């Protein structure tokens, strides 16, 4: 399962990605708008193990993609979908990007490819996402890929979140 964009390869994670993921987790700014402030080495190992296990599930509970630069093969981030247990035809979009590559359109490029995969290949009916109200960059990415804010409100400690959604029908008919 390899997705391509003009500048990126989106591929499944492998064990050898541990060091690159640890480099990503070393930037405190990555956690500014998250519910946790660190990712431990053990949590990175657990994530990579979950990625491997999910590949053997039918249907997979998670689609996790390493964002790799096409020209240098450098892993610069992650993007994926987690199926909702209570609604298996729906998933939650998540992403993270190395700060050096912020504000260059990489995440919009990757997230758009993952949405397309989710609707066309994984046959999802709806994809959700959320971000902290002050996280203007993530909000901008979500809006640029066609997701729209929902009326639903909620809190993930310690702060409120803005919830976004997009249906398969909206994706098929909307401009990007």
N, C-alpha and C. Protein backbone atom coordinates (compact mmCIF):
# COMPACT_ATOMS: atom_id res chain seq x y z
N UNK A 1 0.85 -1.16 0.00
CA UNK A 1 0.00 0.00 0.00
C UNK A 1 0.90 1.24 0.00
N UNK A 2 1.10 1.80 -1.17
CA UNK A 2 1.93 2.98 -1.33
C UNK A 2 1.09 4.06 -2.00
N UNK A 3 1.05 5.24 -1.38
CA UNK A 3 0.38 6.39 -1.98
C UNK A 3 1.46 7.35 -2.44
N UNK A 4 1.20 8.03 -3.54
CA UNK A 4 2.18 9.00 -4.01
C UNK A 4 1.49 10.35 -4.23
N UNK A 5 2.24 11.39 -3.98
CA UNK A 5 1.82 12.76 -4.26
C UNK A 5 2.97 13.37 -5.06
N UNK A 6 2.82 14.58 -5.52
CA UNK A 6 3.93 15.16 -6.29
C UNK A 6 5.28 15.18 -5.57
N UNK A 7 5.27 15.32 -4.23
CA UNK A 7 6.54 15.43 -3.51
C UNK A 7 6.78 14.33 -2.49
N UNK A 8 5.78 13.47 -2.25
CA UNK A 8 5.88 12.50 -1.16
C UNK A 8 5.51 11.09 -1.59
N UNK A 9 6.10 10.13 -0.89
CA UNK A 9 5.61 8.76 -0.86
C UNK A 9 4.97 8.59 0.51
N UNK A 10 3.80 8.00 0.56
CA UNK A 10 3.16 7.64 1.82
C UNK A 10 3.15 6.13 1.86
N UNK A 11 3.91 5.57 2.78
CA UNK A 11 4.07 4.12 2.84
C UNK A 11 3.80 3.63 4.25
N UNK A 12 3.54 2.32 4.37
CA UNK A 12 3.38 1.76 5.72
C UNK A 12 4.67 1.94 6.53
N UNK A 13 4.51 2.03 7.83
CA UNK A 13 5.67 2.13 8.71
C UNK A 13 6.39 0.80 8.78
N UNK A 14 7.71 0.89 9.01
CA UNK A 14 8.52 -0.30 9.22
C UNK A 14 9.34 -0.12 10.50
N UNK A 15 9.89 -1.21 10.99
CA UNK A 15 10.67 -1.14 12.23
C UNK A 15 11.80 -0.13 12.13
N UNK A 16 12.39 -0.01 10.96
CA UNK A 16 13.51 0.91 10.75
C UNK A 16 13.14 2.38 10.87
N UNK A 17 11.86 2.68 11.03
CA UNK A 17 11.41 4.07 11.17
C UNK A 17 11.50 4.59 12.60
N UNK A 18 11.93 3.76 13.52
CA UNK A 18 11.98 4.13 14.92
C UNK A 18 12.77 5.42 15.14
N UNK A 19 13.96 5.51 14.58
CA UNK A 19 14.82 6.68 14.81
C UNK A 19 14.18 7.95 14.27
N UNK A 20 13.59 7.89 13.09
CA UNK A 20 12.95 9.08 12.51
C UNK A 20 11.74 9.51 13.35
N UNK A 21 10.98 8.55 13.87
CA UNK A 21 9.84 8.89 14.73
C UNK A 21 10.31 9.49 16.05
N UNK A 22 11.42 9.01 16.56
CA UNK A 22 11.97 9.58 17.80
C UNK A 22 12.45 11.01 17.55
N UNK A 23 13.00 11.26 16.37
CA UNK A 23 13.42 12.62 16.03
C UNK A 23 12.20 13.54 16.00
N UNK A 24 11.14 13.07 15.41
CA UNK A 24 9.90 13.86 15.35
C UNK A 24 9.38 14.16 16.76
N UNK A 25 9.41 13.15 17.63
CA UNK A 25 8.90 13.30 19.00
C UNK A 25 9.81 14.17 19.87
N UNK A 26 10.99 14.48 19.40
CA UNK A 26 11.93 15.28 20.20
C UNK A 26 11.60 16.78 20.18
N UNK A 27 10.66 17.19 19.35
CA UNK A 27 10.32 18.61 19.24
C UNK A 27 9.12 18.93 20.12
N UNK A 28 9.31 19.66 21.22
CA UNK A 28 8.19 20.01 22.10
C UNK A 28 7.07 20.78 21.39
N UNK A 29 7.41 21.54 20.36
CA UNK A 29 6.40 22.32 19.65
C UNK A 29 5.35 21.40 19.00
N UNK A 30 5.71 20.18 18.70
CA UNK A 30 4.77 19.20 18.12
C UNK A 30 3.60 18.96 19.08
N UNK A 31 3.87 19.06 20.37
CA UNK A 31 2.87 18.72 21.39
C UNK A 31 2.08 19.93 21.91
N UNK A 32 2.33 21.07 21.36
CA UNK A 32 1.72 22.30 21.87
C UNK A 32 0.21 22.21 21.99
N UNK A 33 -0.44 21.60 21.02
CA UNK A 33 -1.91 21.54 21.01
C UNK A 33 -2.44 20.12 21.23
N UNK A 34 -1.63 19.24 21.74
CA UNK A 34 -2.05 17.86 21.99
C UNK A 34 -2.41 17.66 23.45
N UNK A 35 -3.06 16.53 23.70
CA UNK A 35 -3.46 16.21 25.07
C UNK A 35 -2.30 15.64 25.89
N UNK A 36 -1.20 15.29 25.24
CA UNK A 36 -0.03 14.81 25.98
C UNK A 36 1.18 15.62 25.55
N UNK A 37 2.20 15.62 26.41
CA UNK A 37 3.34 16.48 26.15
C UNK A 37 4.59 15.74 25.67
N UNK A 38 4.54 14.42 25.66
CA UNK A 38 5.69 13.64 25.19
C UNK A 38 5.21 12.31 24.60
N UNK A 39 6.11 11.70 23.87
CA UNK A 39 5.93 10.31 23.42
C UNK A 39 7.21 9.59 23.80
N UNK A 40 7.07 8.55 24.61
CA UNK A 40 8.25 7.82 25.08
C UNK A 40 8.76 6.84 24.02
N UNK A 41 9.95 6.33 24.23
CA UNK A 41 10.50 5.32 23.33
C UNK A 41 9.60 4.09 23.30
N UNK A 42 9.10 3.68 24.46
CA UNK A 42 8.19 2.52 24.51
C UNK A 42 6.91 2.79 23.73
N UNK A 43 6.39 4.01 23.83
CA UNK A 43 5.17 4.34 23.07
C UNK A 43 5.44 4.33 21.56
N UNK A 44 6.63 4.73 21.16
CA UNK A 44 6.99 4.66 19.75
C UNK A 44 7.06 3.20 19.30
N UNK A 45 7.66 2.35 20.10
CA UNK A 45 7.73 0.92 19.77
C UNK A 45 6.32 0.31 19.69
N UNK A 46 5.46 0.68 20.63
CA UNK A 46 4.08 0.18 20.63
C UNK A 46 3.34 0.65 19.38
N UNK A 47 3.55 1.89 18.98
CA UNK A 47 2.92 2.42 17.77
C UNK A 47 3.36 1.61 16.55
N UNK A 48 4.65 1.38 16.42
CA UNK A 48 5.15 0.61 15.28
C UNK A 48 4.60 -0.82 15.28
N UNK A 49 4.48 -1.42 16.47
CA UNK A 49 3.90 -2.77 16.57
C UNK A 49 2.43 -2.75 16.17
N UNK A 50 1.68 -1.73 16.60
CA UNK A 50 0.26 -1.62 16.21
C UNK A 50 0.12 -1.46 14.70
N UNK A 51 1.02 -0.72 14.11
CA UNK A 51 0.99 -0.55 12.64
C UNK A 51 1.15 -1.89 11.95
N UNK A 52 2.08 -2.71 12.43
CA UNK A 52 2.31 -4.03 11.84
C UNK A 52 1.10 -4.95 12.05
N UNK A 53 0.56 -4.96 13.26
CA UNK A 53 -0.59 -5.81 13.57
C UNK A 53 -1.82 -5.42 12.76
N UNK A 54 -2.05 -4.13 12.62
CA UNK A 54 -3.23 -3.65 11.91
C UNK A 54 -3.24 -4.09 10.45
N UNK A 55 -2.07 -4.25 9.87
CA UNK A 55 -1.97 -4.66 8.47
C UNK A 55 -2.59 -6.04 8.24
N UNK A 56 -2.69 -6.85 9.29
CA UNK A 56 -3.23 -8.21 9.16
C UNK A 56 -4.70 -8.30 9.55
N UNK A 57 -5.29 -7.20 9.97
CA UNK A 57 -6.71 -7.18 10.36
C UNK A 57 -7.59 -7.00 9.12
N UNK A 58 -8.80 -7.54 9.20
CA UNK A 58 -9.77 -7.36 8.11
C UNK A 58 -11.08 -6.87 8.69
N UNK A 59 -11.45 -5.64 8.42
CA UNK A 59 -10.62 -4.60 7.81
C UNK A 59 -9.64 -4.06 8.84
N UNK A 60 -8.58 -3.42 8.37
CA UNK A 60 -7.62 -2.85 9.32
C UNK A 60 -8.28 -1.81 10.22
N UNK A 61 -7.89 -1.79 11.48
CA UNK A 61 -8.42 -0.79 12.40
C UNK A 61 -7.67 0.54 12.25
N UNK A 62 -6.49 0.47 11.64
CA UNK A 62 -5.68 1.67 11.48
C UNK A 62 -4.92 1.60 10.14
N UNK A 63 -4.88 2.72 9.47
CA UNK A 63 -4.05 2.88 8.28
C UNK A 63 -3.05 3.97 8.65
N UNK A 64 -1.81 3.60 8.85
CA UNK A 64 -0.78 4.55 9.27
C UNK A 64 0.26 4.67 8.17
N UNK A 65 0.53 5.90 7.75
CA UNK A 65 1.46 6.15 6.66
C UNK A 65 2.63 6.99 7.13
N UNK A 66 3.83 6.56 6.76
CA UNK A 66 5.03 7.37 6.94
C UNK A 66 5.11 8.32 5.75
N UNK A 67 5.35 9.60 6.01
CA UNK A 67 5.48 10.58 4.94
C UNK A 67 6.96 10.69 4.60
N UNK A 68 7.29 10.29 3.38
CA UNK A 68 8.68 10.21 2.96
C UNK A 68 8.89 11.11 1.74
N UNK A 69 9.89 11.96 1.81
CA UNK A 69 10.23 12.84 0.68
C UNK A 69 10.64 11.98 -0.52
N UNK A 70 10.07 12.26 -1.67
CA UNK A 70 10.40 11.49 -2.87
C UNK A 70 11.84 11.72 -3.30
N UNK A 71 12.36 12.93 -3.13
CA UNK A 71 13.70 13.23 -3.64
C UNK A 71 14.83 12.82 -2.70
N UNK A 72 14.56 12.72 -1.39
CA UNK A 72 15.64 12.40 -0.44
C UNK A 72 15.40 11.13 0.36
N UNK A 73 14.19 10.58 0.30
CA UNK A 73 13.78 9.40 1.09
C UNK A 73 13.75 9.67 2.59
N UNK A 74 13.74 10.92 2.99
CA UNK A 74 13.69 11.27 4.42
C UNK A 74 12.25 11.19 4.93
N UNK A 75 12.06 10.53 6.07
CA UNK A 75 10.76 10.46 6.73
C UNK A 75 10.55 11.79 7.44
N UNK A 76 9.47 12.51 7.07
CA UNK A 76 9.25 13.84 7.63
C UNK A 76 7.97 13.94 8.47
N UNK A 77 7.18 12.87 8.52
CA UNK A 77 5.95 12.96 9.29
C UNK A 77 5.13 11.70 9.19
N UNK A 78 3.89 11.82 9.67
CA UNK A 78 2.98 10.68 9.70
C UNK A 78 1.56 11.18 9.48
N UNK A 79 0.75 10.32 8.90
CA UNK A 79 -0.64 10.65 8.66
C UNK A 79 -1.39 9.34 8.57
N UNK A 80 -2.60 9.31 9.10
CA UNK A 80 -3.34 8.06 9.04
C UNK A 80 -4.79 8.20 9.41
N UNK A 81 -5.43 7.04 9.39
CA UNK A 81 -6.84 6.92 9.72
C UNK A 81 -7.02 5.82 10.74
N UNK A 82 -7.80 6.07 11.77
CA UNK A 82 -8.19 5.04 12.73
C UNK A 82 -9.69 4.82 12.58
N UNK A 83 -10.07 3.58 12.27
CA UNK A 83 -11.50 3.27 12.18
C UNK A 83 -12.14 3.44 13.54
N UNK A 84 -13.38 3.91 13.55
CA UNK A 84 -14.11 4.05 14.80
C UNK A 84 -14.74 2.70 15.15
N UNK A 85 -14.53 2.24 16.37
CA UNK A 85 -15.08 0.94 16.79
C UNK A 85 -16.59 0.93 16.72
N UNK A 86 -17.21 2.05 17.11
CA UNK A 86 -18.66 2.11 17.16
C UNK A 86 -19.29 2.33 15.78
N UNK A 87 -18.47 2.70 14.79
CA UNK A 87 -18.96 2.94 13.42
C UNK A 87 -17.84 2.56 12.45
N UNK A 88 -17.71 1.28 12.10
CA UNK A 88 -16.55 0.82 11.32
C UNK A 88 -16.42 1.40 9.91
N UNK A 89 -17.48 2.06 9.40
CA UNK A 89 -17.35 2.70 8.09
C UNK A 89 -16.93 4.17 8.22
N UNK A 90 -16.54 4.54 9.44
CA UNK A 90 -16.06 5.89 9.70
C UNK A 90 -14.67 5.80 10.32
N UNK A 91 -13.90 6.86 10.14
CA UNK A 91 -12.54 6.87 10.68
C UNK A 91 -12.18 8.28 11.13
N UNK A 92 -11.12 8.33 11.92
CA UNK A 92 -10.58 9.59 12.44
C UNK A 92 -9.24 9.85 11.76
N UNK A 93 -9.08 11.01 11.16
CA UNK A 93 -7.84 11.41 10.50
C UNK A 93 -6.89 12.04 11.51
N UNK A 94 -5.63 11.67 11.46
CA UNK A 94 -4.61 12.25 12.34
C UNK A 94 -3.33 12.50 11.53
N UNK A 95 -2.52 13.44 12.00
CA UNK A 95 -1.27 13.72 11.30
C UNK A 95 -0.30 14.48 12.18
N UNK A 96 0.96 14.41 11.80
CA UNK A 96 2.03 15.12 12.48
C UNK A 96 3.17 15.31 11.48
N UNK A 97 3.81 16.47 11.53
CA UNK A 97 4.86 16.79 10.57
C UNK A 97 6.05 17.41 11.29
N UNK A 98 7.25 17.03 10.86
CA UNK A 98 8.48 17.60 11.40
C UNK A 98 8.42 19.12 11.21
N UNK A 99 8.72 19.91 12.25
CA UNK A 99 8.60 21.37 12.18
C UNK A 99 9.39 22.02 11.04
N UNK A 100 10.49 21.43 10.63
CA UNK A 100 11.29 21.99 9.55
C UNK A 100 10.47 22.08 8.25
N UNK A 101 9.44 21.25 8.14
CA UNK A 101 8.66 21.17 6.91
C UNK A 101 7.28 21.84 7.02
N UNK A 102 7.05 22.54 8.12
CA UNK A 102 5.78 23.25 8.28
C UNK A 102 5.65 24.36 7.24
N UNK A 103 4.41 24.70 6.92
CA UNK A 103 4.05 25.83 6.07
C UNK A 103 4.61 25.71 4.66
N UNK A 104 4.73 24.47 4.16
CA UNK A 104 5.21 24.24 2.81
C UNK A 104 4.22 23.40 2.00
N UNK A 105 3.05 23.12 2.57
CA UNK A 105 2.02 22.37 1.85
C UNK A 105 2.15 20.87 1.91
N UNK A 106 3.15 20.35 2.62
CA UNK A 106 3.33 18.90 2.68
C UNK A 106 2.16 18.19 3.37
N UNK A 107 1.68 18.76 4.47
CA UNK A 107 0.61 18.07 5.19
C UNK A 107 -0.69 18.11 4.41
N UNK A 108 -0.98 19.19 3.76
CA UNK A 108 -2.19 19.24 2.93
C UNK A 108 -2.10 18.19 1.83
N UNK A 109 -0.95 18.08 1.22
CA UNK A 109 -0.71 17.10 0.16
C UNK A 109 -0.92 15.67 0.69
N UNK A 110 -0.34 15.39 1.84
CA UNK A 110 -0.44 14.05 2.42
C UNK A 110 -1.84 13.74 2.91
N UNK A 111 -2.44 14.67 3.63
CA UNK A 111 -3.78 14.43 4.19
C UNK A 111 -4.81 14.26 3.09
N UNK A 112 -4.67 14.99 2.01
CA UNK A 112 -5.58 14.84 0.88
C UNK A 112 -5.46 13.45 0.27
N UNK A 113 -4.23 12.96 0.13
CA UNK A 113 -4.02 11.60 -0.40
C UNK A 113 -4.60 10.54 0.54
N UNK A 114 -4.47 10.75 1.84
CA UNK A 114 -5.01 9.79 2.81
C UNK A 114 -6.54 9.82 2.80
N UNK A 115 -7.14 10.99 2.68
CA UNK A 115 -8.60 11.05 2.54
C UNK A 115 -9.05 10.30 1.30
N UNK A 116 -8.39 10.54 0.19
CA UNK A 116 -8.75 9.86 -1.05
C UNK A 116 -8.65 8.35 -0.88
N UNK A 117 -7.57 7.89 -0.26
CA UNK A 117 -7.41 6.47 0.03
C UNK A 117 -8.56 5.97 0.91
N UNK A 118 -8.88 6.72 1.94
CA UNK A 118 -9.93 6.31 2.87
C UNK A 118 -11.28 6.12 2.18
N UNK A 119 -11.62 7.02 1.30
CA UNK A 119 -12.91 6.93 0.62
C UNK A 119 -12.89 5.94 -0.54
N UNK A 120 -11.83 5.93 -1.33
CA UNK A 120 -11.79 5.08 -2.53
C UNK A 120 -11.33 3.65 -2.28
N UNK A 121 -10.34 3.48 -1.41
CA UNK A 121 -9.77 2.15 -1.19
C UNK A 121 -10.32 1.47 0.07
N UNK A 122 -10.39 2.21 1.17
CA UNK A 122 -10.88 1.63 2.42
C UNK A 122 -12.40 1.66 2.49
N UNK A 123 -13.03 2.33 1.52
CA UNK A 123 -14.49 2.40 1.39
C UNK A 123 -15.17 2.97 2.63
N UNK A 124 -14.55 3.97 3.21
CA UNK A 124 -15.14 4.64 4.36
C UNK A 124 -16.28 5.54 3.89
N UNK A 125 -17.27 5.71 4.74
CA UNK A 125 -18.40 6.58 4.42
C UNK A 125 -18.22 7.99 4.98
N UNK A 126 -17.46 8.10 6.06
CA UNK A 126 -17.26 9.41 6.69
C UNK A 126 -15.91 9.42 7.38
N UNK A 127 -15.24 10.58 7.32
CA UNK A 127 -13.96 10.75 8.01
C UNK A 127 -14.07 11.99 8.89
N UNK A 128 -13.61 11.85 10.11
CA UNK A 128 -13.65 12.90 11.12
C UNK A 128 -12.22 13.35 11.44
N UNK A 129 -12.13 14.54 12.00
CA UNK A 129 -10.86 15.05 12.52
C UNK A 129 -11.19 16.10 13.56
N UNK A 130 -10.20 16.48 14.34
CA UNK A 130 -10.39 17.58 15.28
C UNK A 130 -9.06 18.27 15.51
N UNK A 131 -9.15 19.50 15.98
CA UNK A 131 -7.94 20.23 16.35
C UNK A 131 -8.29 21.25 17.43
N UNK A 132 -7.27 21.69 18.11
CA UNK A 132 -7.42 22.74 19.11
C UNK A 132 -7.78 24.04 18.38
N UNK A 133 -8.67 24.85 18.94
CA UNK A 133 -9.06 26.11 18.27
C UNK A 133 -7.88 27.04 17.95
N UNK A 134 -6.83 26.99 18.74
CA UNK A 134 -5.67 27.86 18.51
C UNK A 134 -4.68 27.28 17.50
N UNK A 135 -4.90 26.04 17.08
CA UNK A 135 -3.99 25.40 16.12
C UNK A 135 -4.43 25.77 14.71
N UNK A 136 -4.11 26.99 14.32
CA UNK A 136 -4.56 27.52 13.03
C UNK A 136 -3.98 26.75 11.85
N UNK A 137 -2.77 26.22 11.98
CA UNK A 137 -2.16 25.48 10.88
C UNK A 137 -2.93 24.19 10.60
N UNK A 138 -3.26 23.44 11.65
CA UNK A 138 -4.03 22.19 11.45
C UNK A 138 -5.43 22.50 10.94
N UNK A 139 -6.03 23.52 11.49
CA UNK A 139 -7.37 23.90 11.02
C UNK A 139 -7.32 24.26 9.53
N UNK A 140 -6.29 24.99 9.13
CA UNK A 140 -6.14 25.37 7.74
C UNK A 140 -5.98 24.12 6.85
N UNK A 141 -5.18 23.16 7.29
CA UNK A 141 -5.01 21.92 6.53
C UNK A 141 -6.36 21.23 6.36
N UNK A 142 -7.10 21.08 7.44
CA UNK A 142 -8.39 20.38 7.38
C UNK A 142 -9.36 21.10 6.45
N UNK A 143 -9.40 22.40 6.51
CA UNK A 143 -10.30 23.15 5.63
C UNK A 143 -9.84 23.07 4.18
N UNK A 144 -8.54 23.12 3.93
CA UNK A 144 -8.02 23.06 2.56
C UNK A 144 -8.26 21.72 1.89
N UNK A 145 -8.36 20.65 2.69
CA UNK A 145 -8.63 19.33 2.08
C UNK A 145 -10.12 19.04 1.98
N UNK A 146 -10.94 20.03 2.31
CA UNK A 146 -12.38 19.91 2.10
C UNK A 146 -13.20 19.54 3.32
N UNK A 147 -12.56 19.36 4.46
CA UNK A 147 -13.32 19.03 5.66
C UNK A 147 -13.99 20.30 6.19
N UNK A 148 -15.13 20.13 6.82
CA UNK A 148 -15.84 21.30 7.33
C UNK A 148 -16.13 21.15 8.81
N UNK A 149 -16.11 22.28 9.54
CA UNK A 149 -16.40 22.21 10.98
C UNK A 149 -17.81 21.70 11.22
N UNK A 150 -17.95 20.90 12.26
CA UNK A 150 -19.25 20.34 12.64
C UNK A 150 -19.77 21.10 13.85
N UNK A 151 -21.06 21.02 14.08
CA UNK A 151 -21.66 21.66 15.25
C UNK A 151 -21.27 20.93 16.53
N UNK A 152 -20.90 19.66 16.40
CA UNK A 152 -20.52 18.86 17.55
C UNK A 152 -19.39 19.54 18.32
N UNK A 153 -19.53 19.60 19.62
CA UNK A 153 -18.46 20.14 20.45
C UNK A 153 -18.08 19.10 21.48
N UNK A 154 -16.91 19.23 22.00
CA UNK A 154 -16.47 18.28 23.01
C UNK A 154 -15.16 18.74 23.60
N UNK A 155 -14.70 18.03 24.56
CA UNK A 155 -13.42 18.38 25.16
C UNK A 155 -12.55 17.15 25.27
N UNK A 156 -11.33 17.35 24.96
CA UNK A 156 -10.28 16.38 25.23
C UNK A 156 -9.33 17.14 26.13
N UNK A 157 -9.16 16.69 27.33
CA UNK A 157 -8.38 17.44 28.32
C UNK A 157 -7.06 17.86 27.73
N UNK A 158 -6.61 19.04 27.96
CA UNK A 158 -7.21 20.03 28.83
C UNK A 158 -7.99 21.11 28.08
N UNK A 159 -8.26 20.96 26.79
CA UNK A 159 -8.85 22.08 26.06
C UNK A 159 -9.94 21.61 25.09
N UNK A 160 -10.80 22.54 24.69
CA UNK A 160 -11.85 22.20 23.73
C UNK A 160 -11.25 21.91 22.36
N UNK A 161 -12.00 21.22 21.54
CA UNK A 161 -11.56 20.87 20.19
C UNK A 161 -12.60 21.35 19.19
N UNK A 162 -12.15 21.66 18.00
CA UNK A 162 -13.05 21.91 16.88
C UNK A 162 -13.13 20.61 16.10
N UNK A 163 -14.34 20.13 15.85
CA UNK A 163 -14.53 18.87 15.15
C UNK A 163 -14.86 19.13 13.69
N UNK A 164 -14.28 18.31 12.82
CA UNK A 164 -14.49 18.41 11.39
C UNK A 164 -15.01 17.08 10.87
N UNK A 165 -15.66 17.14 9.72
CA UNK A 165 -16.14 15.91 9.10
C UNK A 165 -16.24 16.06 7.59
N UNK A 166 -16.27 14.92 6.93
CA UNK A 166 -16.43 14.88 5.49
C UNK A 166 -16.99 13.51 5.12
N UNK A 167 -17.99 13.50 4.27
CA UNK A 167 -18.57 12.23 3.82
C UNK A 167 -17.97 11.83 2.48
N UNK A 168 -18.13 10.59 2.15
CA UNK A 168 -17.66 10.07 0.87
C UNK A 168 -18.32 10.82 -0.28
N UNK A 169 -19.62 11.09 -0.17
CA UNK A 169 -20.33 11.80 -1.23
C UNK A 169 -19.79 13.22 -1.40
N UNK A 170 -19.49 13.88 -0.28
CA UNK A 170 -18.92 15.23 -0.36
C UNK A 170 -17.55 15.21 -1.03
N UNK A 171 -16.75 14.20 -0.68
CA UNK A 171 -15.42 14.07 -1.26
C UNK A 171 -15.51 13.85 -2.77
N UNK A 172 -16.41 13.00 -3.18
CA UNK A 172 -16.55 12.67 -4.61
C UNK A 172 -17.01 13.87 -5.43
N UNK A 173 -17.80 14.74 -4.84
CA UNK A 173 -18.38 15.84 -5.61
C UNK A 173 -17.67 17.18 -5.41
N UNK A 174 -16.81 17.29 -4.42
CA UNK A 174 -16.25 18.59 -4.09
C UNK A 174 -14.92 18.88 -4.76
N UNK A 175 -14.67 20.15 -5.00
CA UNK A 175 -13.35 20.54 -5.54
C UNK A 175 -12.28 20.54 -4.46
N UNK A 176 -11.05 20.28 -4.86
CA UNK A 176 -9.92 20.33 -3.93
C UNK A 176 -8.79 21.08 -4.55
